[in-house]
N, C-alpha and C. Protein backbone atom coordinates (compact mmCIF):
# COMPACT_ATOMS: atom_id res chain seq x y z
N UNK A 1 -4.65 5.03 -3.99
CA UNK A 1 -4.66 3.84 -3.80
C UNK A 1 -3.56 3.34 -3.55
N UNK A 2 -3.76 3.18 -3.22
CA UNK A 2 -2.77 2.32 -2.27
C UNK A 2 -1.95 1.31 -3.07
N UNK A 3 -1.01 1.74 -4.08
CA UNK A 3 -0.43 0.82 -5.03
C UNK A 3 1.10 1.27 -4.62
N UNK A 4 1.46 1.04 -3.16
CA UNK A 4 3.03 1.15 -2.90
C UNK A 4 3.88 0.49 -3.67
N UNK A 5 3.84 -0.67 -3.79
CA UNK A 5 5.02 -1.55 -4.53
C UNK A 5 5.09 -1.06 -5.76
N UNK A 6 3.95 -0.77 -6.59
CA UNK A 6 4.04 -0.35 -8.01
C UNK A 6 4.30 1.21 -7.90
N UNK A 7 3.81 1.92 -7.00
CA UNK A 7 4.66 3.52 -7.05
C UNK A 7 5.83 3.30 -7.03
N UNK A 8 6.48 2.19 -5.84
CA UNK A 8 7.91 2.19 -5.76
C UNK A 8 8.64 1.81 -6.97
N UNK A 9 7.86 0.97 -7.79
CA UNK A 9 8.73 0.43 -8.90
C UNK A 9 8.57 1.40 -9.95
N UNK A 10 7.68 2.13 -9.99
CA UNK A 10 7.60 3.41 -11.31
C UNK A 10 8.64 4.38 -10.62
N UNK A 11 8.87 4.77 -9.59
CA UNK A 11 9.88 5.71 -9.10
C UNK A 11 11.60 5.45 -9.13
N UNK A 12 11.73 3.93 -8.80
CA UNK A 12 12.85 3.54 -8.81
C UNK A 12 13.40 2.88 -9.62
N UNK A 13 12.47 1.96 -10.42
CA UNK A 13 12.43 1.18 -11.57
C UNK A 13 12.82 -0.19 -11.18
N UNK A 14 12.25 -1.27 -12.00
CA UNK A 14 12.06 -2.46 -11.71
C UNK A 14 13.24 -3.00 -11.16
N UNK A 15 14.50 -2.97 -12.20
CA UNK A 15 15.74 -3.44 -11.80
C UNK A 15 16.26 -2.90 -10.56
N UNK A 16 16.39 -1.57 -10.32
CA UNK A 16 16.84 -1.08 -9.09
C UNK A 16 16.12 -1.44 -7.92
N UNK A 17 14.85 -1.57 -7.86
CA UNK A 17 14.20 -1.92 -6.81
C UNK A 17 14.50 -3.58 -6.47
N UNK A 18 14.77 -4.46 -7.32
CA UNK A 18 14.99 -5.81 -7.21
C UNK A 18 16.21 -5.83 -6.97
N UNK A 19 17.01 -4.98 -6.93
CA UNK A 19 18.48 -4.97 -6.37
C UNK A 19 18.76 -4.24 -4.88
N UNK A 20 17.73 -3.71 -4.53
CA UNK A 20 17.89 -2.82 -3.32
C UNK A 20 18.03 -4.27 -2.18
N UNK A 21 18.75 -3.87 -1.04
CA UNK A 21 18.83 -4.81 0.11
C UNK A 21 17.39 -5.01 0.78
N UNK A 22 17.22 -5.86 1.51
CA UNK A 22 15.90 -6.03 2.08
C UNK A 22 15.43 -4.84 3.22
N UNK A 23 16.47 -4.32 3.92
CA UNK A 23 15.99 -3.17 4.81
C UNK A 23 16.01 -1.92 4.05
N UNK A 24 16.66 -1.71 2.94
CA UNK A 24 16.23 -0.55 2.06
C UNK A 24 14.89 -0.41 1.53
N UNK A 25 14.56 -1.80 1.22
CA UNK A 25 12.97 -1.91 0.46
C UNK A 25 12.01 -1.71 1.32
N UNK A 26 12.45 -2.02 2.53
CA UNK A 26 11.42 -2.07 3.61
C UNK A 26 11.14 -0.62 4.14
N UNK A 27 12.33 0.11 3.99
CA UNK A 27 12.31 1.69 4.46
C UNK A 27 11.54 2.48 3.44
N UNK A 28 11.81 2.07 2.31
CA UNK A 28 11.21 2.57 1.16
C UNK A 28 9.65 2.63 1.23
N UNK A 29 9.32 1.21 1.51
CA UNK A 29 7.90 0.93 1.31
C UNK A 29 7.23 1.54 2.60
N UNK A 30 7.95 1.87 3.70
CA UNK A 30 7.19 2.31 5.02
C UNK A 30 7.13 3.81 4.58
N UNK A 31 7.99 4.54 3.96
CA UNK A 31 8.23 6.06 3.57
C UNK A 31 6.87 5.96 2.65
N UNK A 32 6.64 5.14 1.59
CA UNK A 32 5.25 5.15 0.92
C UNK A 32 4.17 5.02 1.73
N UNK A 33 4.32 4.01 2.47
CA UNK A 33 3.11 3.87 3.11
C UNK A 33 2.58 5.01 3.91
N UNK A 34 3.39 5.94 4.81
CA UNK A 34 3.35 6.90 5.36
C UNK A 34 2.83 8.32 4.58
N UNK A 35 3.46 8.12 3.39
CA UNK A 35 3.22 9.24 2.38
C UNK A 35 1.50 9.00 2.15
N UNK A 36 1.29 8.13 1.87
CA UNK A 36 -0.14 7.70 1.19
C UNK A 36 -1.18 7.97 2.45
N UNK A 37 -0.82 7.55 3.75
CA UNK A 37 -1.50 7.68 4.66
C UNK A 37 -2.02 9.18 5.35
N UNK A 38 -0.66 9.91 5.05
CA UNK A 38 -0.83 11.27 5.53
C UNK A 38 -1.72 12.03 4.24
N UNK A 39 -1.59 11.41 3.02
CA UNK A 39 -2.53 12.01 2.09
C UNK A 39 -3.75 11.63 2.09
N UNK A 40 -4.19 10.85 3.03
CA UNK A 40 -5.62 10.38 3.23
C UNK A 40 -5.82 9.17 2.91
N UNK A 41 -5.20 8.37 2.29
CA UNK A 41 -5.69 7.08 2.26
C UNK A 41 -6.41 6.16 3.34
N UNK A 42 -7.25 5.51 3.21
CA UNK A 42 -7.95 4.89 4.24
C UNK A 42 -7.18 3.51 4.29
N UNK A 43 -6.97 2.86 3.14
CA UNK A 43 -6.05 1.80 3.26
C UNK A 43 -4.87 1.79 2.31
N UNK A 44 -3.74 0.96 2.69
CA UNK A 44 -2.57 1.19 1.98
C UNK A 44 -2.19 -0.53 1.69
N UNK A 45 -2.34 -0.92 0.57
CA UNK A 45 -1.43 -2.38 0.53
C UNK A 45 -0.49 -2.38 -0.29
N UNK A 46 0.32 -3.47 -0.12
CA UNK A 46 1.40 -3.86 -0.93
C UNK A 46 1.50 -4.28 -2.06
N UNK A 47 0.39 -5.15 -2.41
CA UNK A 47 0.15 -5.62 -3.63
C UNK A 47 -1.43 -6.07 -3.82
N UNK A 48 -1.87 -6.95 -4.81
CA UNK A 48 -3.11 -7.33 -5.08
C UNK A 48 -3.44 -8.25 -4.08
N UNK A 49 -2.71 -9.03 -3.63
CA UNK A 49 -2.82 -10.28 -2.69
C UNK A 49 -3.37 -9.84 -1.55
N UNK A 50 -3.03 -8.27 -1.13
CA UNK A 50 -3.63 -7.67 0.14
C UNK A 50 -5.07 -7.26 -0.07
N UNK A 51 -5.53 -7.14 -1.40
CA UNK A 51 -6.63 -6.41 -1.20
C UNK A 51 -8.07 -7.25 -0.94
N UNK A 52 -8.02 -8.40 -1.08
CA UNK A 52 -9.34 -9.34 -0.38
C UNK A 52 -9.66 -8.71 0.95
N UNK A 53 -8.36 -8.93 1.84
CA UNK A 53 -8.89 -8.33 3.11
C UNK A 53 -9.42 -7.14 3.25
N UNK A 54 -8.87 -6.28 2.54
CA UNK A 54 -9.23 -5.02 2.73
C UNK A 54 -10.66 -4.68 2.17
N UNK A 55 -11.04 -5.31 1.03
CA UNK A 55 -12.48 -5.53 0.79
C UNK A 55 -13.65 -6.02 1.67
N UNK A 56 -12.84 -7.05 2.14
CA UNK A 56 -13.63 -7.75 3.25
C UNK A 56 -14.07 -6.75 4.70
N UNK A 57 -13.07 -6.15 5.01
CA UNK A 57 -13.26 -5.15 5.83
C UNK A 57 -13.95 -4.00 5.54
N UNK A 58 -14.09 -3.19 4.32
CA UNK A 58 -14.88 -2.23 3.88
C UNK A 58 -16.20 -2.80 4.07
N UNK A 59 -16.47 -4.07 3.60
CA UNK A 59 -17.68 -4.58 3.51
C UNK A 59 -18.28 -4.54 4.84
N UNK A 60 -17.50 -5.49 5.93
CA UNK A 60 -18.06 -5.37 7.11
C UNK A 60 -18.27 -3.76 7.85
N UNK A 61 -17.60 -2.94 7.40
CA UNK A 61 -18.14 -1.63 8.06
C UNK A 61 -19.00 -1.14 7.78
N UNK A 62 -19.27 -1.60 6.36
CA UNK A 62 -20.58 -0.73 5.64
C UNK A 62 -21.72 -1.49 6.31
N UNK A 63 -21.69 -2.98 6.40
CA UNK A 63 -22.81 -3.55 7.15
C UNK A 63 -23.27 -3.29 8.24
N UNK A 64 -22.26 -2.30 9.17
CA UNK A 64 -22.71 -1.92 10.61
C UNK A 64 -22.90 -0.55 10.43
N UNK A 65 -23.05 0.02 9.20
CA UNK A 65 -23.57 1.34 9.19
C UNK A 65 -22.43 2.35 9.06
N UNK A 66 -21.22 2.12 9.02
CA UNK A 66 -20.21 2.90 8.77
C UNK A 66 -20.34 3.83 7.24
N UNK A 67 -19.97 4.86 7.06
CA UNK A 67 -19.98 5.46 5.90
C UNK A 67 -18.79 6.31 5.55
N UNK A 68 -18.18 6.35 4.36
CA UNK A 68 -17.19 7.08 4.18
C UNK A 68 -17.21 8.65 4.57
């Protein structure tokens, strides 16, 4: 599941993560996204705020007959 930011926070630490330059944080987030996608994640979100769009997409796909 796609908990990229939470995963980064657990590995790097909250204080260290907050201190990262924007470019470094973006690079780490991209690496995490790639690792999760390579592991088979259907969706990867940066935070709970992105979850509603994912749930809506899943509902739409199921409504037209797609199945996991």
